[in-house]
């Protein structure tokens, strides 16, 4: 069975934004304990190395600053 959005759930764009914020905060907390995750974010083009958790979360809310190396 395929779930369809419930109109009472609100604006899908707002839901997406809330989810993006929650995921970026979770990823920033996780990265603070994992050099491997920091390496992965750097490989993806996110300049997060050496940054505090709140700044990492903010960086992860946006597209990467630089292109992924080939």
C-alpha atoms as a PDB file:
ATOM      1  CA  UNK A   1       0.000   0.000   0.000  1.00  0.00           C
ATOM      2  CA  UNK A   2       1.344   3.434  -0.930  1.00  0.00           C
ATOM      3  CA  UNK A   3       0.902   6.212   1.601  1.00  0.00           C
ATOM      4  CA  UNK A   4      -0.397   9.502   0.315  1.00  0.00           C
ATOM      5  CA  UNK A   5       0.160  12.843   2.034  1.00  0.00           C
ATOM      6  CA  UNK A   6      -2.554  13.913   4.418  1.00  0.00           C
ATOM      7  CA  UNK A   7      -3.590  17.532   3.722  1.00  0.00           C
ATOM      8  CA  UNK A   8      -3.720  18.046   7.487  1.00  0.00           C
ATOM      9  CA  UNK A   9       0.005  17.295   7.726  1.00  0.00           C
ATOM     10  CA  UNK A  10       0.754  20.843   6.584  1.00  0.00           C
ATOM     11  CA  UNK A  11       2.995  22.185   3.851  1.00  0.00           C
ATOM     12  CA  UNK A  12       5.363  19.479   2.510  1.00  0.00           C
ATOM     13  CA  UNK A  13       8.090  22.105   1.996  1.00  0.00           C
ATOM     14  CA  UNK A  14       7.918  23.020   5.685  1.00  0.00           C
ATOM     15  CA  UNK A  15       8.074  19.346   6.635  1.00  0.00           C
ATOM     16  CA  UNK A  16      11.120  18.908   4.410  1.00  0.00           C
ATOM     17  CA  UNK A  17      12.819  21.931   5.980  1.00  0.00           C
ATOM     18  CA  UNK A  18      12.173  20.605   9.510  1.00  0.00           C
ATOM     19  CA  UNK A  19      13.551  17.214   8.543  1.00  0.00           C
ATOM     20  CA  UNK A  20      16.615  18.799   6.940  1.00  0.00           C
ATOM     21  CA  UNK A  21      17.323  20.763  10.138  1.00  0.00           C
ATOM     22  CA  UNK A  22      16.891  17.675  12.321  1.00  0.00           C
ATOM     23  CA  UNK A  23      19.136  15.556  10.087  1.00  0.00           C
ATOM     24  CA  UNK A  24      21.861  18.202   9.851  1.00  0.00           C
ATOM     25  CA  UNK A  25      21.914  18.547  13.655  1.00  0.00           C
ATOM     26  CA  UNK A  26      22.073  14.759  14.078  1.00  0.00           C
ATOM     27  CA  UNK A  27      24.857  14.476  11.485  1.00  0.00           C
ATOM     28  CA  UNK A  28      26.833  17.265  13.172  1.00  0.00           C
ATOM     29  CA  UNK A  29      26.589  15.506  16.558  1.00  0.00           C
ATOM     30  CA  UNK A  30      27.614  12.224  14.960  1.00  0.00           C
ATOM     31  CA  UNK A  31      30.543  13.842  13.155  1.00  0.00           C
ATOM     32  CA  UNK A  32      31.904  15.242  16.414  1.00  0.00           C
ATOM     33  CA  UNK A  33      32.664  11.625  17.423  1.00  0.00           C
ATOM     34  CA  UNK A  34      33.754  10.259  14.048  1.00  0.00           C
ATOM     35  CA  UNK A  35      36.805  11.281  12.070  1.00  0.00           C
ATOM     36  CA  UNK A  36      35.589   8.892   9.349  1.00  0.00           C
ATOM     37  CA  UNK A  37      32.322  10.813   9.022  1.00  0.00           C
ATOM     38  CA  UNK A  38      34.218  14.120   8.882  1.00  0.00           C
ATOM     39  CA  UNK A  39      36.366  12.624   6.107  1.00  0.00           C
ATOM     40  CA  UNK A  40      33.225  11.566   4.232  1.00  0.00           C
ATOM     41  CA  UNK A  41      31.626  15.007   4.504  1.00  0.00           C
ATOM     42  CA  UNK A  42      34.867  16.569   3.261  1.00  0.00           C
ATOM     43  CA  UNK A  43      34.919  14.135   0.310  1.00  0.00           C
ATOM     44  CA  UNK A  44      31.344  15.187  -0.489  1.00  0.00           C
ATOM     45  CA  UNK A  45      32.425  18.838  -0.628  1.00  0.00           C
ATOM     46  CA  UNK A  46      31.376  20.045   2.828  1.00  0.00           C
ATOM     47  CA  UNK A  47      34.139  22.045   4.565  1.00  0.00           C
ATOM     48  CA  UNK A  48      33.479  20.856   8.122  1.00  0.00           C
ATOM     49  CA  UNK A  49      36.881  19.818   9.461  1.00  0.00           C
ATOM     50  CA  UNK A  50      37.828  21.666  12.628  1.00  0.00           C
ATOM     51  CA  UNK A  51      34.466  23.412  12.919  1.00  0.00           C
ATOM     52  CA  UNK A  52      32.264  23.381  16.052  1.00  0.00           C
ATOM     53  CA  UNK A  53      29.114  21.242  16.017  1.00  0.00           C
ATOM     54  CA  UNK A  54      26.693  24.146  15.509  1.00  0.00           C
ATOM     55  CA  UNK A  55      28.675  25.408  12.522  1.00  0.00           C
ATOM     56  CA  UNK A  56      28.847  21.897  11.027  1.00  0.00           C
ATOM     57  CA  UNK A  57      25.057  21.638  11.310  1.00  0.00           C
ATOM     58  CA  UNK A  58      24.640  24.959   9.511  1.00  0.00           C
ATOM     59  CA  UNK A  59      27.051  23.905   6.747  1.00  0.00           C
ATOM     60  CA  UNK A  60      25.193  20.610   6.243  1.00  0.00           C
ATOM     61  CA  UNK A  61      21.886  22.443   5.728  1.00  0.00           C
ATOM     62  CA  UNK A  62      23.170  23.835   2.419  1.00  0.00           C
ATOM     63  CA  UNK A  63      24.591  22.248  -0.736  1.00  0.00           C
ATOM     64  CA  UNK A  64      28.353  21.593  -0.611  1.00  0.00           C
ATOM     65  CA  UNK A  65      30.655  24.569  -1.167  1.00  0.00           C
ATOM     66  CA  UNK A  66      32.961  22.777  -3.551  1.00  0.00           C
ATOM     67  CA  UNK A  67      32.601  20.113  -6.178  1.00  0.00           C
ATOM     68  CA  UNK A  68      33.390  16.538  -5.286  1.00  0.00           C
ATOM     69  CA  UNK A  69      36.864  15.605  -6.560  1.00  0.00           C
ATOM     70  CA  UNK A  70      36.900  13.011  -9.340  1.00  0.00           C
END
